[in-house]
N, C-alpha and C. Protein backbone atom coordinates (compact mmCIF):
# COMPACT_ATOMS: atom_id res chain seq x y z
N UNK A 1 79.51 105.71 -217.55
CA UNK A 1 79.39 106.29 -219.09
C UNK A 1 78.68 105.30 -219.83
N UNK A 2 77.31 105.96 -220.55
CA UNK A 2 76.47 105.03 -221.49
C UNK A 2 77.23 104.84 -222.91
N UNK A 3 77.13 103.65 -223.00
CA UNK A 3 77.71 103.44 -224.56
C UNK A 3 76.52 102.54 -225.44
N UNK A 4 76.87 102.52 -226.74
CA UNK A 4 75.96 101.99 -227.85
C UNK A 4 77.00 101.95 -228.94
N UNK A 5 76.56 101.11 -229.98
CA UNK A 5 76.76 100.97 -231.05
C UNK A 5 76.29 101.48 -232.40
N UNK A 6 76.61 101.85 -233.61
CA UNK A 6 76.17 102.39 -234.74
C UNK A 6 74.94 101.82 -235.08
N UNK A 7 75.07 100.27 -234.94
CA UNK A 7 74.12 99.52 -235.36
C UNK A 7 72.70 99.81 -234.83
N UNK A 8 73.01 99.90 -233.14
CA UNK A 8 71.66 100.52 -232.49
C UNK A 8 71.41 102.00 -232.84
N UNK A 9 72.25 102.72 -233.03
CA UNK A 9 71.95 104.36 -233.66
C UNK A 9 71.13 104.08 -234.85
N UNK A 10 71.72 103.36 -235.72
CA UNK A 10 70.63 103.31 -237.18
C UNK A 10 69.56 102.77 -236.87
N UNK A 11 69.37 101.67 -235.86
CA UNK A 11 67.85 100.99 -235.91
C UNK A 11 67.23 102.09 -235.25
N UNK A 12 67.62 102.92 -234.25
CA UNK A 12 66.80 103.90 -233.73
C UNK A 12 66.44 104.98 -234.77
N UNK A 13 67.02 105.44 -235.36
CA UNK A 13 66.88 106.49 -236.63
C UNK A 13 65.77 105.84 -237.72
N UNK A 14 65.94 104.57 -237.80
CA UNK A 14 64.66 103.90 -238.67
C UNK A 14 63.61 103.97 -238.21
N UNK A 15 63.41 103.55 -236.83
CA UNK A 15 62.16 103.36 -236.26
C UNK A 15 61.75 104.88 -236.03
N UNK A 16 62.47 105.96 -235.71
CA UNK A 16 62.01 107.30 -235.81
C UNK A 16 61.29 107.90 -237.07
N UNK A 17 62.10 107.35 -238.32
CA UNK A 17 61.39 107.85 -239.33
C UNK A 17 60.23 107.28 -240.19
N UNK A 18 60.04 105.89 -239.63
CA UNK A 18 59.17 105.27 -239.90
C UNK A 18 57.89 105.73 -239.26
N UNK A 19 58.17 106.16 -238.08
CA UNK A 19 57.11 106.57 -237.06
C UNK A 19 56.40 108.09 -237.78
N UNK A 20 57.37 108.79 -238.29
CA UNK A 20 56.66 110.30 -239.03
C UNK A 20 55.49 110.12 -239.58
N UNK A 21 54.66 111.15 -239.33
CA UNK A 21 53.49 111.37 -240.08
C UNK A 21 53.51 112.49 -240.75
N UNK A 22 53.90 112.42 -242.05
CA UNK A 22 54.05 113.34 -242.94
C UNK A 22 53.25 114.40 -243.22
N UNK A 23 53.64 115.82 -243.45
CA UNK A 23 52.80 117.03 -243.46
C UNK A 23 51.99 117.06 -244.62
N UNK A 24 52.56 116.44 -245.98
CA UNK A 24 51.88 116.65 -247.01
C UNK A 24 51.86 115.14 -247.61
N UNK A 25 50.80 114.91 -248.21
CA UNK A 25 50.51 113.24 -248.86
C UNK A 25 50.90 112.08 -247.80
N UNK A 26 50.22 112.55 -246.58
CA UNK A 26 50.12 111.57 -245.54
C UNK A 26 49.72 110.42 -245.37
N UNK A 27 49.25 110.27 -246.55
CA UNK A 27 48.86 108.65 -246.78
C UNK A 27 49.80 107.80 -247.39
N UNK A 28 50.90 108.62 -247.78
CA UNK A 28 52.24 107.66 -247.91
C UNK A 28 53.31 107.50 -246.81
N UNK A 29 53.50 107.02 -246.02
CA UNK A 29 54.19 106.86 -245.03
C UNK A 29 55.63 106.52 -245.39
N UNK A 30 56.72 106.62 -244.81
CA UNK A 30 58.10 106.48 -244.89
C UNK A 30 58.30 104.76 -244.43
N UNK A 31 58.86 104.09 -245.47
CA UNK A 31 59.21 102.81 -245.24
C UNK A 31 60.90 102.50 -245.57
N UNK A 32 61.23 101.64 -244.80
CA UNK A 32 62.56 101.30 -245.07
C UNK A 32 62.90 100.31 -246.09
N UNK A 33 63.82 100.32 -246.70
CA UNK A 33 64.17 99.40 -248.09
C UNK A 33 63.98 98.19 -247.42
N UNK A 34 63.48 97.38 -248.57
CA UNK A 34 63.54 95.98 -248.08
C UNK A 34 64.37 94.99 -248.60
N UNK A 35 65.34 95.34 -249.22
CA UNK A 35 66.43 94.43 -249.86
C UNK A 35 67.88 95.27 -249.78
N UNK A 36 68.70 94.63 -248.70
CA UNK A 36 69.49 95.39 -248.51
C UNK A 36 70.87 94.75 -249.36
N UNK A 37 70.42 93.63 -250.11
CA UNK A 37 71.54 93.10 -251.19
C UNK A 37 71.76 93.85 -252.56
N UNK A 38 70.55 94.63 -252.82
CA UNK A 38 70.80 95.42 -253.89
C UNK A 38 70.95 97.04 -253.23
N UNK A 39 71.85 97.63 -254.03
CA UNK A 39 71.92 99.15 -253.60
C UNK A 39 70.56 99.67 -253.98
N UNK A 40 70.58 100.63 -252.65
CA UNK A 40 69.26 101.41 -252.91
C UNK A 40 68.80 102.23 -253.94
N UNK A 41 69.79 102.99 -254.49
CA UNK A 41 69.74 103.65 -255.38
C UNK A 41 69.18 103.18 -256.78
N UNK A 42 69.88 101.96 -256.81
CA UNK A 42 69.84 100.93 -258.19
C UNK A 42 68.32 100.66 -258.06
N UNK A 43 68.18 100.31 -257.12
CA UNK A 43 66.72 99.58 -256.84
C UNK A 43 65.41 100.55 -257.25
N UNK A 44 65.81 101.67 -256.53
CA UNK A 44 64.53 102.90 -256.53
C UNK A 44 64.53 103.27 -258.24
N UNK A 45 65.80 103.34 -258.87
CA UNK A 45 65.83 103.70 -259.92
C UNK A 45 64.90 102.84 -261.01
N UNK A 46 65.01 101.67 -260.52
CA UNK A 46 64.65 100.44 -261.62
C UNK A 46 63.19 100.31 -261.15
N UNK A 47 62.48 100.62 -259.95
CA UNK A 47 61.00 100.75 -259.54
C UNK A 47 60.75 101.95 -259.09
N UNK A 48 60.52 103.23 -259.97
CA UNK A 48 60.02 104.24 -259.60
C UNK A 48 58.60 104.34 -259.16
N UNK A 49 57.63 103.57 -259.50
CA UNK A 49 56.25 103.48 -258.91
C UNK A 49 56.28 102.88 -257.39
N UNK A 50 57.32 102.10 -257.31
CA UNK A 50 57.11 101.51 -255.76
C UNK A 50 58.09 102.10 -254.54
N UNK A 51 58.91 103.21 -255.26
CA UNK A 51 59.68 103.78 -254.27
C UNK A 51 59.44 105.19 -253.61
N UNK A 52 58.12 105.59 -253.71
CA UNK A 52 57.61 106.81 -253.18
C UNK A 52 58.08 106.71 -251.53
N UNK A 53 58.93 107.68 -250.72
CA UNK A 53 59.34 107.67 -249.54
C UNK A 53 59.63 106.41 -248.99
N UNK A 54 60.37 105.54 -249.76
CA UNK A 54 61.13 104.58 -249.18
C UNK A 54 62.47 105.24 -249.04
N UNK A 55 63.31 104.46 -248.17
CA UNK A 55 64.43 104.92 -247.41
C UNK A 55 65.38 103.85 -247.13
N UNK A 56 66.47 104.33 -246.83
CA UNK A 56 67.78 103.60 -246.47
C UNK A 56 68.62 104.49 -245.78
N UNK A 57 69.40 103.89 -244.73
CA UNK A 57 70.59 104.71 -244.16
C UNK A 57 71.73 103.94 -244.55
N UNK A 58 72.65 104.59 -244.78
CA UNK A 58 73.88 104.08 -245.47
C UNK A 58 75.15 104.54 -244.75
N UNK A 59 76.01 103.61 -244.18
CA UNK A 59 77.18 103.91 -243.52
C UNK A 59 78.08 104.47 -244.65
N UNK A 60 78.74 105.55 -244.47
CA UNK A 60 79.80 106.24 -245.24
C UNK A 60 81.23 105.81 -244.89
N UNK A 61 81.44 106.22 -243.75
CA UNK A 61 83.10 106.37 -243.16
C UNK A 61 82.93 106.39 -241.48
N UNK A 62 83.96 106.38 -240.93
CA UNK A 62 84.46 106.58 -239.87
C UNK A 62 85.53 107.11 -239.25
N UNK A 63 85.64 108.16 -238.60
CA UNK A 63 86.90 108.71 -237.97
C UNK A 63 87.93 107.68 -236.99
N UNK A 64 88.98 108.27 -236.97
CA UNK A 64 89.67 107.31 -236.05
C UNK A 64 89.20 107.98 -234.32
N UNK A 65 89.05 107.05 -233.50
CA UNK A 65 88.27 107.43 -232.25
C UNK A 65 89.36 108.92 -231.97
N UNK A 66 88.28 109.56 -231.11
CA UNK A 66 88.84 111.17 -230.78
C UNK A 66 89.52 110.48 -229.27
N UNK A 67 88.68 109.75 -228.61
CA UNK A 67 89.26 109.33 -227.22
C UNK A 67 89.00 108.03 -226.80
N UNK A 68 89.94 107.43 -225.94
CA UNK A 68 89.51 105.73 -225.59
C UNK A 68 90.26 105.81 -224.30
N UNK A 69 89.69 104.99 -223.79
CA UNK A 69 90.15 104.54 -222.35
C UNK A 69 90.13 102.77 -222.59
N UNK A 70 90.30 101.98 -221.58
CA UNK A 70 90.09 100.71 -221.30
C UNK A 70 88.81 100.19 -221.69
N UNK A 71 87.82 100.95 -221.50
CA UNK A 71 86.65 100.48 -221.69
C UNK A 71 85.56 100.86 -222.98
N UNK A 72 86.17 102.02 -223.35
CA UNK A 72 84.88 102.84 -224.54
C UNK A 72 85.96 103.59 -225.38
N UNK A 73 85.34 103.64 -226.42
CA UNK A 73 85.90 104.78 -227.42
C UNK A 73 84.90 105.53 -227.79
N UNK A 74 85.42 107.30 -227.93
CA UNK A 74 84.27 107.91 -228.56
C UNK A 74 84.58 107.92 -230.06
N UNK A 75 83.42 107.26 -230.68
CA UNK A 75 83.67 107.31 -232.10
C UNK A 75 82.37 108.40 -233.00
N UNK A 76 82.95 108.75 -233.92
CA UNK A 76 82.42 109.66 -235.05
C UNK A 76 82.01 109.01 -236.41
N UNK A 77 80.76 108.71 -236.81
CA UNK A 77 80.50 108.11 -238.01
C UNK A 77 79.97 108.95 -238.90
N UNK A 78 80.23 108.90 -240.19
CA UNK A 78 79.55 109.72 -241.45
C UNK A 78 78.57 108.71 -241.96
N UNK A 79 77.34 109.10 -242.15
CA UNK A 79 76.58 108.18 -242.84
C UNK A 79 75.53 109.15 -243.33
N UNK A 80 74.28 108.54 -244.18
CA UNK A 80 73.43 109.19 -245.07
C UNK A 80 71.99 108.47 -245.05
N UNK A 81 71.23 109.46 -244.82
CA UNK A 81 69.72 108.71 -245.02
C UNK A 81 69.41 109.32 -246.48
N UNK A 82 68.98 108.11 -247.10
CA UNK A 82 68.35 108.51 -248.50
C UNK A 82 66.94 108.17 -248.63
N UNK A 83 66.35 108.98 -249.14
CA UNK A 83 64.83 108.97 -249.29
C UNK A 83 64.49 109.05 -251.11
N UNK A 84 63.63 107.97 -251.40
CA UNK A 84 63.55 108.11 -253.16
C UNK A 84 62.03 108.77 -253.23
N UNK A 85 61.89 109.50 -254.29
CA UNK A 85 60.72 110.07 -254.71
C UNK A 85 60.68 110.15 -256.28
N UNK A 86 59.47 109.22 -256.71
CA UNK A 86 59.21 109.22 -258.29
C UNK A 86 59.11 110.41 -258.79
N UNK A 87 59.65 110.59 -260.17
CA UNK A 87 59.83 111.84 -260.94
C UNK A 87 58.46 111.66 -261.64
N UNK A 88 57.14 112.10 -261.01
CA UNK A 88 55.64 111.44 -261.98
C UNK A 88 55.06 112.63 -261.80
N UNK A 89 53.84 112.73 -261.64
CA UNK A 89 52.73 114.04 -261.72
C UNK A 89 51.82 113.83 -260.36
N UNK A 90 52.51 113.09 -259.61
CA UNK A 90 51.70 112.84 -258.08
C UNK A 90 51.76 114.39 -257.19
N UNK A 91 52.68 115.21 -257.31
CA UNK A 91 52.80 116.13 -256.51
C UNK A 91 52.09 117.54 -256.56
N UNK A 92 51.67 117.49 -258.02
CA UNK A 92 50.50 118.62 -258.10
C UNK A 92 50.87 119.30 -259.44
N UNK A 93 50.25 120.60 -259.61
CA UNK A 93 50.29 121.07 -260.92
C UNK A 93 51.81 121.77 -261.30
N UNK A 94 52.38 122.11 -260.32
CA UNK A 94 53.84 122.64 -260.74
C UNK A 94 54.60 121.49 -260.00
N UNK A 95 54.66 120.10 -260.71
CA UNK A 95 55.26 119.03 -260.36
C UNK A 95 56.48 119.17 -259.76
N UNK A 96 57.62 119.72 -260.34
CA UNK A 96 58.84 119.40 -259.86
C UNK A 96 59.29 120.59 -258.56
N UNK A 97 58.39 121.87 -258.62
CA UNK A 97 58.75 122.63 -257.50
C UNK A 97 58.07 121.91 -256.47
N UNK A 98 56.54 121.42 -256.56
CA UNK A 98 56.01 121.06 -255.61
C UNK A 98 56.80 119.46 -254.88
N UNK A 99 57.44 119.00 -255.96
CA UNK A 99 58.19 117.69 -255.45
C UNK A 99 59.24 118.48 -254.40
N UNK A 100 60.20 119.34 -254.82
CA UNK A 100 60.79 120.13 -254.31
C UNK A 100 60.38 120.47 -252.66
N UNK A 101 59.10 121.46 -252.53
CA UNK A 101 58.62 121.50 -251.35
C UNK A 101 58.36 120.30 -250.33
N UNK A 102 57.84 119.35 -250.88
CA UNK A 102 57.54 118.19 -250.09
C UNK A 102 58.76 117.67 -249.84
N UNK A 103 59.61 117.54 -250.27
CA UNK A 103 60.97 116.84 -249.96
C UNK A 103 62.00 117.68 -248.90
N UNK A 104 61.37 119.05 -249.09
CA UNK A 104 62.03 119.87 -247.79
C UNK A 104 61.29 119.83 -246.59
N UNK A 105 60.07 119.65 -246.50
CA UNK A 105 59.08 119.40 -245.70
C UNK A 105 59.46 117.95 -244.98
N UNK A 106 59.88 117.17 -245.59
CA UNK A 106 59.96 115.50 -245.34
C UNK A 106 61.36 115.77 -244.62
N UNK A 107 62.19 116.70 -245.26
CA UNK A 107 64.04 116.66 -244.69
C UNK A 107 63.82 117.26 -243.30
N UNK A 108 62.94 118.29 -242.85
CA UNK A 108 62.60 118.86 -241.78
C UNK A 108 61.89 118.09 -240.67
N UNK A 109 60.83 117.03 -241.29
CA UNK A 109 60.77 116.25 -239.99
C UNK A 109 61.68 114.93 -239.77
N UNK A 110 62.21 114.37 -240.90
CA UNK A 110 63.22 113.47 -240.59
C UNK A 110 64.55 114.09 -239.75
N UNK A 111 65.10 115.18 -239.77
CA UNK A 111 65.74 115.94 -239.04
C UNK A 111 65.34 116.03 -237.61
N UNK A 112 64.29 116.39 -237.62
CA UNK A 112 63.61 116.70 -235.90
C UNK A 112 63.36 115.07 -235.57
N UNK A 113 63.51 113.96 -236.15
CA UNK A 113 63.09 112.75 -235.58
C UNK A 113 64.60 112.35 -235.43
N UNK A 114 65.29 112.03 -236.27
CA UNK A 114 66.53 111.30 -236.32
C UNK A 114 67.97 111.84 -236.75
N UNK A 115 67.80 113.27 -237.20
CA UNK A 115 68.77 114.14 -237.28
C UNK A 115 69.41 114.89 -235.91
N UNK A 116 69.98 115.95 -236.51
CA UNK A 116 70.74 116.73 -235.53
C UNK A 116 69.76 117.56 -234.37
N UNK A 117 68.55 117.59 -234.90
CA UNK A 117 67.20 117.88 -233.81
C UNK A 117 66.65 116.75 -233.25
N UNK A 118 67.08 115.55 -233.56
CA UNK A 118 66.43 114.25 -233.28
C UNK A 118 66.75 113.47 -231.91
N UNK A 119 67.52 114.26 -230.98
CA UNK A 119 68.55 113.60 -230.03
C UNK A 119 67.29 113.12 -229.11
N UNK A 120 66.39 113.24 -228.75
CA UNK A 120 65.20 112.53 -227.94
C UNK A 120 64.98 111.00 -228.44
N UNK A 121 65.04 110.84 -229.59
CA UNK A 121 64.71 109.28 -230.22
C UNK A 121 66.05 108.73 -230.27
N UNK A 122 67.21 109.22 -230.22
CA UNK A 122 68.74 108.45 -230.16
C UNK A 122 69.10 108.18 -228.98
N UNK A 123 68.17 108.89 -227.94
CA UNK A 123 68.98 108.52 -226.62
C UNK A 123 69.92 109.32 -226.10
N UNK A 124 70.46 109.07 -224.91
CA UNK A 124 71.66 110.05 -224.23
C UNK A 124 72.90 109.39 -224.66
N UNK A 125 72.87 108.30 -225.79
CA UNK A 125 74.02 107.69 -226.21
C UNK A 125 74.71 108.33 -227.20
N UNK A 126 73.64 108.90 -227.86
CA UNK A 126 74.62 109.64 -229.44
C UNK A 126 74.07 110.96 -229.82
N UNK A 127 74.97 111.57 -230.43
CA UNK A 127 74.45 112.96 -230.69
C UNK A 127 74.79 113.26 -232.36
N UNK A 128 74.01 113.40 -233.21
CA UNK A 128 74.11 114.09 -234.48
C UNK A 128 74.92 115.50 -234.15
N UNK A 129 76.28 115.79 -234.94
CA UNK A 129 76.59 116.96 -234.63
C UNK A 129 76.44 117.83 -235.81
N UNK A 130 76.40 117.26 -236.87
CA UNK A 130 75.93 118.07 -238.17
C UNK A 130 75.15 117.37 -239.33
N UNK A 131 74.54 117.98 -240.01
CA UNK A 131 74.02 117.40 -241.26
C UNK A 131 73.57 118.34 -241.94
N UNK A 132 73.36 117.79 -243.58
CA UNK A 132 72.94 118.65 -244.54
C UNK A 132 72.25 117.78 -245.51
N UNK A 133 71.97 118.48 -246.68
CA UNK A 133 70.76 118.00 -247.58
C UNK A 133 71.16 118.32 -248.79
N UNK A 134 70.95 117.46 -249.79
CA UNK A 134 71.09 117.79 -251.23
C UNK A 134 69.97 116.53 -252.12
N UNK A 135 69.57 117.09 -253.22
CA UNK A 135 68.84 116.31 -253.99
C UNK A 135 69.57 115.56 -255.33
N UNK A 136 69.51 114.41 -255.62
CA UNK A 136 70.24 114.06 -256.56
C UNK A 136 69.03 113.78 -257.55
N UNK A 137 69.04 114.59 -258.66
CA UNK A 137 67.79 113.93 -259.56
C UNK A 137 68.46 113.26 -260.87
N UNK A 138 67.50 112.35 -261.28
CA UNK A 138 67.62 111.32 -262.16
C UNK A 138 66.38 111.75 -262.90
N UNK A 139 66.50 110.77 -263.95
CA UNK A 139 65.15 110.54 -265.00
C UNK A 139 63.82 109.96 -264.62
N UNK A 140 64.19 109.10 -263.60
CA UNK A 140 62.98 108.49 -263.22
C UNK A 140 62.61 108.72 -261.90
N UNK A 141 63.58 109.06 -260.67
CA UNK A 141 63.56 109.12 -259.29
C UNK A 141 64.59 110.53 -258.89
N UNK A 142 63.98 111.37 -257.75
CA UNK A 142 64.92 112.32 -257.20
C UNK A 142 65.09 111.74 -255.71
N UNK A 143 66.47 111.76 -255.50
CA UNK A 143 66.56 111.29 -253.96
C UNK A 143 66.95 112.63 -253.00
N UNK A 144 66.48 112.40 -252.01
CA UNK A 144 66.73 113.45 -250.91
C UNK A 144 68.06 112.74 -250.01
N UNK A 145 68.91 113.34 -250.07
CA UNK A 145 70.09 112.79 -249.63
C UNK A 145 70.78 113.48 -248.21
N UNK A 146 70.52 113.29 -247.07
CA UNK A 146 70.84 113.84 -245.88
C UNK A 146 71.98 113.32 -245.43
N UNK A 147 72.98 113.91 -245.37
CA UNK A 147 74.49 113.04 -244.68
C UNK A 147 74.43 113.84 -243.57
N UNK A 148 75.10 113.17 -242.44
CA UNK A 148 75.01 113.35 -240.87
C UNK A 148 76.45 112.78 -240.55
N UNK A 149 76.57 113.44 -239.30
CA UNK A 149 77.67 112.64 -238.84
C UNK A 149 77.34 112.72 -237.19
N UNK A 150 77.52 111.34 -236.78
CA UNK A 150 76.99 110.94 -235.50
C UNK A 150 78.24 110.63 -234.20
N UNK A 151 78.06 111.28 -233.26
CA UNK A 151 79.05 110.84 -232.12
C UNK A 151 78.58 110.34 -231.15
N UNK A 152 79.51 108.93 -230.46
CA UNK A 152 78.59 107.91 -229.43
C UNK A 152 80.13 107.20 -228.87
N UNK A 153 79.80 106.99 -227.91
CA UNK A 153 80.77 106.05 -226.81
C UNK A 153 80.37 104.51 -227.17
N UNK A 154 81.36 103.86 -227.71
CA UNK A 154 81.22 102.49 -228.02
C UNK A 154 82.19 101.68 -227.08
N UNK A 155 81.89 100.58 -226.61
CA UNK A 155 82.45 99.89 -225.54
C UNK A 155 83.43 98.95 -226.58
N UNK A 156 84.77 98.71 -226.11
CA UNK A 156 85.91 98.09 -226.93
C UNK A 156 86.18 96.88 -225.98
């Protein structure tokens, strides 16, 4: 049985997202958040001009293992991929609508790379079993928040 850790899964997801070539505004690539000491949403709201397509993967919770033996446990983690988009006029004449369209395109690409359709980049050791997406609109930044559950076997 193949085993992995949540940290390895997260690192694979980060690499898969960074490798995405966006379908719109392709000159701005996805970049992982630099400073893990400051909560990502706070940093992005304070630096809207620097946050475009910057992202963080944040651990939310973990279920009690569904199965366990002497070697490994089947774990399920809930986490979220948070991507920041400044609320400015860079998206086009219909700014807010075009921002939403761009974010939807980005979520499809992210989900293909690191979500429930991204199993190839996560390897045979992990499966994203479900994912949802929503937008958190603030005065300076809108966040794309993709919440997902990933199941995997971890050595004990």
